[in-house]
Amino acid sequence: MTITQKDLDEIEHRLSETFITKGDFTEYKSGLFDRLDQIVKNTSNTNTEVELVENRVSKIEEKLQIAR
C-alpha cells in the first residue's frame, strides 16, 4: 500500500485540528506575557501609591499629635 499525497494531506489536516502550531503557541505565549507584564506594572504602581498614602497619613497623625 502506497501513501498518496491525498493521504498525507488528510493526516496533516487531522493533526492541525488536534495540535497547535509553534506559531500559534508563540502568539499565545507572547499575549500571556504582555498581560502578565501589565499586571506586574499595575501591582508595582499600586504599591507605590499605598506607600505615598501611608506617608501622608503618618505626617497628618504627627501633626495632630503635636497640635494636642
PDB file of N, CA and C in Angstrom:
ATOM      1  N   MET A   1       0.850  -1.172   0.000  1.00  0.00           N
ATOM      2  CA  MET A   1       0.000   0.000   0.000  1.00  0.00           C
ATOM      3  C   MET A   1       0.898   1.238   0.000  1.00  0.00           C
ATOM      4  N   THR A   2       0.614   2.147  -0.877  1.00  0.00           N
ATOM      5  CA  THR A   2       1.393   3.363  -1.018  1.00  0.00           C
ATOM      6  C   THR A   2       0.609   4.538  -0.457  1.00  0.00           C
ATOM      7  N   ILE A   3       1.315   5.392   0.258  1.00  0.00           N
ATOM      8  CA  ILE A   3       0.683   6.599   0.789  1.00  0.00           C
ATOM      9  C   ILE A   3       0.698   7.664  -0.299  1.00  0.00           C
ATOM     10  N   THR A   4      -0.462   8.209  -0.558  1.00  0.00           N
ATOM     11  CA  THR A   4      -0.584   9.224  -1.606  1.00  0.00           C
ATOM     12  C   THR A   4      -0.522  10.623  -0.991  1.00  0.00           C
ATOM     13  N   GLN A   5      -0.419  11.596  -1.837  1.00  0.00           N
ATOM     14  CA  GLN A   5      -0.411  12.992  -1.378  1.00  0.00           C
ATOM     15  C   GLN A   5      -1.728  13.327  -0.682  1.00  0.00           C
ATOM     16  N   LYS A   6      -2.806  12.741  -1.185  1.00  0.00           N
ATOM     17  CA  LYS A   6      -4.117  12.957  -0.567  1.00  0.00           C
ATOM     18  C   LYS A   6      -4.115  12.417   0.859  1.00  0.00           C
ATOM     19  N   ASP A   7      -3.505  11.240   1.058  1.00  0.00           N
ATOM     20  CA  ASP A   7      -3.404  10.667   2.407  1.00  0.00           C
ATOM     21  C   ASP A   7      -2.588  11.588   3.322  1.00  0.00           C
ATOM     22  N   LEU A   8      -1.474  12.075   2.819  1.00  0.00           N
ATOM     23  CA  LEU A   8      -0.631  12.978   3.608  1.00  0.00           C
ATOM     24  C   LEU A   8      -1.362  14.275   3.959  1.00  0.00           C
ATOM     25  N   ASP A   9      -2.111  14.782   2.989  1.00  0.00           N
ATOM     26  CA  ASP A   9      -2.886  15.995   3.237  1.00  0.00           C
ATOM     27  C   ASP A   9      -3.935  15.760   4.325  1.00  0.00           C
ATOM     28  N   GLU A  10      -4.570  14.622   4.287  1.00  0.00           N
ATOM     29  CA  GLU A  10      -5.585  14.285   5.291  1.00  0.00           C
ATOM     30  C   GLU A  10      -4.947  14.141   6.674  1.00  0.00           C
ATOM     31  N   ILE A  11      -3.802  13.491   6.742  1.00  0.00           N
ATOM     32  CA  ILE A  11      -3.088  13.343   8.021  1.00  0.00           C
ATOM     33  C   ILE A  11      -2.712  14.727   8.562  1.00  0.00           C
ATOM     34  N   GLU A  12      -2.169  15.565   7.699  1.00  0.00           N
ATOM     35  CA  GLU A  12      -1.781  16.917   8.124  1.00  0.00           C
ATOM     36  C   GLU A  12      -2.999  17.701   8.610  1.00  0.00           C
ATOM     37  N   HIS A  13      -4.107  17.576   7.915  1.00  0.00           N
ATOM     38  CA  HIS A  13      -5.332  18.267   8.296  1.00  0.00           C
ATOM     39  C   HIS A  13      -5.810  17.809   9.677  1.00  0.00           C
ATOM     40  N   ARG A  14      -5.825  16.518   9.903  1.00  0.00           N
ATOM     41  CA  ARG A  14      -6.272  15.990  11.200  1.00  0.00           C
ATOM     42  C   ARG A  14      -5.332  16.396  12.323  1.00  0.00           C
ATOM     43  N   LEU A  15      -4.036  16.374  12.051  1.00  0.00           N
ATOM     44  CA  LEU A  15      -3.072  16.787  13.075  1.00  0.00           C
ATOM     45  C   LEU A  15      -3.225  18.271  13.400  1.00  0.00           C
ATOM     46  N   SER A  16      -3.490  19.096  12.392  1.00  0.00           N
ATOM     47  CA  SER A  16      -3.635  20.532  12.630  1.00  0.00           C
ATOM     48  C   SER A  16      -4.889  20.836  13.445  1.00  0.00           C
ATOM     49  N   GLU A  17      -5.887  19.973  13.372  1.00  0.00           N
ATOM     50  CA  GLU A  17      -7.089  20.150  14.191  1.00  0.00           C
ATOM     51  C   GLU A  17      -6.841  19.739  15.632  1.00  0.00           C
ATOM     52  N   THR A  18      -5.870  18.841  15.858  1.00  0.00           N
ATOM     53  CA  THR A  18      -5.610  18.308  17.191  1.00  0.00           C
ATOM     54  C   THR A  18      -4.522  19.080  17.923  1.00  0.00           C
ATOM     55  N   PHE A  19      -3.470  19.472  17.222  1.00  0.00           N
ATOM     56  CA  PHE A  19      -2.315  20.106  17.844  1.00  0.00           C
ATOM     57  C   PHE A  19      -2.172  21.544  17.360  1.00  0.00           C
ATOM     58  N   ILE A  20      -1.661  22.407  18.246  1.00  0.00           N
ATOM     59  CA  ILE A  20      -1.394  23.778  17.825  1.00  0.00           C
ATOM     60  C   ILE A  20      -0.018  23.848  17.172  1.00  0.00           C
ATOM     61  N   THR A  21       0.164  24.865  16.380  1.00  0.00           N
ATOM     62  CA  THR A  21       1.457  25.030  15.713  1.00  0.00           C
ATOM     63  C   THR A  21       2.396  25.831  16.613  1.00  0.00           C
ATOM     64  N   LYS A  22       3.658  25.814  16.259  1.00  0.00           N
ATOM     65  CA  LYS A  22       4.646  26.593  17.010  1.00  0.00           C
ATOM     66  C   LYS A  22       4.293  28.077  16.938  1.00  0.00           C
ATOM     67  N   GLY A  23       3.847  28.534  15.791  1.00  0.00           N
ATOM     68  CA  GLY A  23       3.451  29.929  15.630  1.00  0.00           C
ATOM     69  C   GLY A  23       2.277  30.298  16.525  1.00  0.00           C
ATOM     70  N   ASP A  24       1.271  29.412  16.601  1.00  0.00           N
ATOM     71  CA  ASP A  24       0.122  29.649  17.476  1.00  0.00           C
ATOM     72  C   ASP A  24       0.552  29.720  18.930  1.00  0.00           C
ATOM     73  N   PHE A  25       1.437  28.811  19.336  1.00  0.00           N
ATOM     74  CA  PHE A  25       1.907  28.799  20.716  1.00  0.00           C
ATOM     75  C   PHE A  25       2.705  30.056  21.028  1.00  0.00           C
ATOM     76  N   THR A  26       3.565  30.476  20.099  1.00  0.00           N
ATOM     77  CA  THR A  26       4.374  31.679  20.307  1.00  0.00           C
ATOM     78  C   THR A  26       3.471  32.900  20.460  1.00  0.00           C
ATOM     79  N   GLU A  27       2.441  32.986  19.634  1.00  0.00           N
ATOM     80  CA  GLU A  27       1.496  34.100  19.718  1.00  0.00           C
ATOM     81  C   GLU A  27       0.766  34.081  21.066  1.00  0.00           C
ATOM     82  N   TYR A  28       0.325  32.906  21.498  1.00  0.00           N
ATOM     83  CA  TYR A  28      -0.360  32.768  22.784  1.00  0.00           C
ATOM     84  C   TYR A  28       0.568  33.172  23.921  1.00  0.00           C
ATOM     85  N   LYS A  29       1.805  32.675  23.881  1.00  0.00           N
ATOM     86  CA  LYS A  29       2.781  32.955  24.937  1.00  0.00           C
ATOM     87  C   LYS A  29       3.085  34.453  24.990  1.00  0.00           C
ATOM     88  N   SER A  30       3.232  35.068  23.849  1.00  0.00           N
ATOM     89  CA  SER A  30       3.519  36.496  23.785  1.00  0.00           C
ATOM     90  C   SER A  30       2.379  37.304  24.413  1.00  0.00           C
ATOM     91  N   GLY A  31       1.160  36.960  24.062  1.00  0.00           N
ATOM     92  CA  GLY A  31      -0.006  37.641  24.637  1.00  0.00           C
ATOM     93  C   GLY A  31      -0.092  37.445  26.138  1.00  0.00           C
ATOM     94  N   LEU A  32       0.203  36.251  26.586  1.00  0.00           N
ATOM     95  CA  LEU A  32       0.165  35.953  28.015  1.00  0.00           C
ATOM     96  C   LEU A  32       1.199  36.788  28.763  1.00  0.00           C
ATOM     97  N   PHE A  33       2.424  36.841  28.253  1.00  0.00           N
ATOM     98  CA  PHE A  33       3.471  37.622  28.913  1.00  0.00           C
ATOM     99  C   PHE A  33       3.162  39.111  28.876  1.00  0.00           C
ATOM    100  N   ASP A  34       2.543  39.594  27.819  1.00  0.00           N
ATOM    101  CA  ASP A  34       2.138  41.005  27.774  1.00  0.00           C
ATOM    102  C   ASP A  34       1.144  41.314  28.891  1.00  0.00           C
ATOM    103  N   ARG A  35       0.177  40.423  29.095  1.00  0.00           N
ATOM    104  CA  ARG A  35      -0.806  40.624  30.166  1.00  0.00           C
ATOM    105  C   ARG A  35      -0.148  40.528  31.537  1.00  0.00           C
ATOM    106  N   LEU A  36       0.763  39.578  31.709  1.00  0.00           N
ATOM    107  CA  LEU A  36       1.463  39.455  32.988  1.00  0.00           C
ATOM    108  C   LEU A  36       2.313  40.688  33.278  1.00  0.00           C
ATOM    109  N   ASP A  37       2.988  41.219  32.269  1.00  0.00           N
ATOM    110  CA  ASP A  37       3.764  42.447  32.447  1.00  0.00           C
ATOM    111  C   ASP A  37       2.879  43.596  32.910  1.00  0.00           C
ATOM    112  N   GLN A  38       1.704  43.705  32.326  1.00  0.00           N
ATOM    113  CA  GLN A  38       0.774  44.764  32.707  1.00  0.00           C
ATOM    114  C   GLN A  38       0.313  44.585  34.157  1.00  0.00           C
ATOM    115  N   ILE A  39       0.046  43.353  34.563  1.00  0.00           N
ATOM    116  CA  ILE A  39      -0.369  43.082  35.945  1.00  0.00           C
ATOM    117  C   ILE A  39       0.739  43.454  36.917  1.00  0.00           C
ATOM    118  N   VAL A  40       1.978  43.077  36.599  1.00  0.00           N
ATOM    119  CA  VAL A  40       3.106  43.393  37.472  1.00  0.00           C
ATOM    120  C   VAL A  40       3.281  44.909  37.573  1.00  0.00           C
ATOM    121  N   LYS A  41       3.161  45.608  36.447  1.00  0.00           N
ATOM    122  CA  LYS A  41       3.298  47.070  36.448  1.00  0.00           C
ATOM    123  C   LYS A  41       2.201  47.701  37.300  1.00  0.00           C
ATOM    124  N   ASN A  42       0.966  47.250  37.136  1.00  0.00           N
ATOM    125  CA  ASN A  42      -0.142  47.794  37.924  1.00  0.00           C
ATOM    126  C   ASN A  42       0.054  47.532  39.408  1.00  0.00           C
ATOM    127  N   THR A  43       0.536  46.340  39.743  1.00  0.00           N
ATOM    128  CA  THR A  43       0.784  45.999  41.141  1.00  0.00           C
ATOM    129  C   THR A  43       1.878  46.891  41.721  1.00  0.00           C
ATOM    130  N   SER A  44       2.922  47.110  40.952  1.00  0.00           N
ATOM    131  CA  SER A  44       4.018  47.979  41.391  1.00  0.00           C
ATOM    132  C   SER A  44       3.515  49.408  41.602  1.00  0.00           C
ATOM    133  N   ASN A  45       2.724  49.908  40.674  1.00  0.00           N
ATOM    134  CA  ASN A  45       2.163  51.257  40.800  1.00  0.00           C
ATOM    135  C   ASN A  45       1.271  51.369  42.028  1.00  0.00           C
ATOM    136  N   THR A  46       0.475  50.342  42.271  1.00  0.00           N
ATOM    137  CA  THR A  46      -0.405  50.339  43.431  1.00  0.00           C
ATOM    138  C   THR A  46       0.410  50.347  44.720  1.00  0.00           C
ATOM    139  N   ASN A  47       1.458  49.554  44.781  1.00  0.00           N
ATOM    140  CA  ASN A  47       2.305  49.528  45.972  1.00  0.00           C
ATOM    141  C   ASN A  47       2.932  50.897  46.230  1.00  0.00           C
ATOM    142  N   THR A  48       3.372  51.563  45.174  1.00  0.00           N
ATOM    143  CA  THR A  48       3.962  52.893  45.302  1.00  0.00           C
ATOM    144  C   THR A  48       2.921  53.880  45.833  1.00  0.00           C
ATOM    145  N   GLU A  49       1.717  53.821  45.294  1.00  0.00           N
ATOM    146  CA  GLU A  49       0.652  54.713  45.753  1.00  0.00           C
ATOM    147  C   GLU A  49       0.302  54.454  47.214  1.00  0.00           C
ATOM    148  N   VAL A  50       0.279  53.212  47.625  1.00  0.00           N
ATOM    149  CA  VAL A  50      -0.017  52.870  49.020  1.00  0.00           C
ATOM    150  C   VAL A  50       1.056  53.463  49.927  1.00  0.00           C
ATOM    151  N   GLU A  51       2.317  53.363  49.538  1.00  0.00           N
ATOM    152  CA  GLU A  51       3.399  53.938  50.342  1.00  0.00           C
ATOM    153  C   GLU A  51       3.234  55.448  50.475  1.00  0.00           C
ATOM    154  N   LEU A  52       2.884  56.120  49.385  1.00  0.00           N
ATOM    155  CA  LEU A  52       2.676  57.572  49.438  1.00  0.00           C
ATOM    156  C   LEU A  52       1.535  57.939  50.379  1.00  0.00           C
ATOM    157  N   VAL A  53       0.447  57.214  50.296  1.00  0.00           N
ATOM    158  CA  VAL A  53      -0.708  57.484  51.162  1.00  0.00           C
ATOM    159  C   VAL A  53      -0.338  57.211  52.621  1.00  0.00           C
ATOM    160  N   GLU A  54       0.385  56.123  52.875  1.00  0.00           N
ATOM    161  CA  GLU A  54       0.792  55.822  54.250  1.00  0.00           C
ATOM    162  C   GLU A  54       1.678  56.930  54.805  1.00  0.00           C
ATOM    163  N   ASN A  55       2.588  57.461  53.984  1.00  0.00           N
ATOM    164  CA  ASN A  55       3.444  58.560  54.437  1.00  0.00           C
ATOM    165  C   ASN A  55       2.621  59.801  54.746  1.00  0.00           C
ATOM    166  N   ARG A  56       1.652  60.104  53.906  1.00  0.00           N
ATOM    167  CA  ARG A  56       0.793  61.271  54.145  1.00  0.00           C
ATOM    168  C   ARG A  56      -0.003  61.101  55.434  1.00  0.00           C
ATOM    169  N   VAL A  57      -0.549  59.924  55.645  1.00  0.00           N
ATOM    170  CA  VAL A  57      -1.321  59.655  56.852  1.00  0.00           C
ATOM    171  C   VAL A  57      -0.423  59.782  58.078  1.00  0.00           C
ATOM    172  N   SER A  58       0.779  59.264  58.014  1.00  0.00           N
ATOM    173  CA  SER A  58       1.711  59.364  59.144  1.00  0.00           C
ATOM    174  C   SER A  58       2.013  60.820  59.468  1.00  0.00           C
ATOM    175  N   LYS A  59       2.245  61.635  58.442  1.00  0.00           N
ATOM    176  CA  LYS A  59       2.531  63.050  58.668  1.00  0.00           C
ATOM    177  C   LYS A  59       1.336  63.766  59.277  1.00  0.00           C
ATOM    178  N   ILE A  60       0.141  63.438  58.803  1.00  0.00           N
ATOM    179  CA  ILE A  60      -1.087  64.052  59.362  1.00  0.00           C
ATOM    180  C   ILE A  60      -1.233  63.633  60.827  1.00  0.00           C
ATOM    181  N   GLU A  61      -0.988  62.360  61.120  1.00  0.00           N
ATOM    182  CA  GLU A  61      -1.088  61.896  62.515  1.00  0.00           C
ATOM    183  C   GLU A  61      -0.079  62.604  63.406  1.00  0.00           C
ATOM    184  N   GLU A  62       1.136  62.795  62.902  1.00  0.00           N
ATOM    185  CA  GLU A  62       2.149  63.512  63.676  1.00  0.00           C
ATOM    186  C   GLU A  62       1.720  64.950  63.944  1.00  0.00           C
ATOM    187  N   LYS A  63       1.176  65.627  62.935  1.00  0.00           N
ATOM    188  CA  LYS A  63       0.720  66.992  63.116  1.00  0.00           C
ATOM    189  C   LYS A  63      -0.419  67.068  64.122  1.00  0.00           C
ATOM    190  N   LEU A  64      -1.305  66.095  64.089  1.00  0.00           N
ATOM    191  CA  LEU A  64      -2.429  66.072  65.035  1.00  0.00           C
ATOM    192  C   LEU A  64      -1.917  65.864  66.463  1.00  0.00           C
ATOM    193  N   GLN A  65      -0.904  65.041  66.630  1.00  0.00           N
ATOM    194  CA  GLN A  65      -0.361  64.793  67.960  1.00  0.00           C
ATOM    195  C   GLN A  65       0.351  66.044  68.488  1.00  0.00           C
ATOM    196  N   ILE A  66       1.044  66.762  67.607  1.00  0.00           N
ATOM    197  CA  ILE A  66       1.730  67.995  68.012  1.00  0.00           C
ATOM    198  C   ILE A  66       0.737  69.057  68.406  1.00  0.00           C
ATOM    199  N   ALA A  67      -0.394  69.112  67.730  1.00  0.00           N
ATOM    200  CA  ALA A  67      -1.410  70.135  67.990  1.00  0.00           C
ATOM    201  C   ALA A  67      -2.131  69.901  69.303  1.00  0.00           C
ATOM    202  N   ARG A  68      -2.072  68.742  69.875  1.00  0.00           N
ATOM    203  CA  ARG A  68      -2.809  68.435  71.108  1.00  0.00           C
ATOM    204  C   ARG A  68      -2.218  69.105  72.286  1.00  0.00           C
TER     205      ARG A  68
END
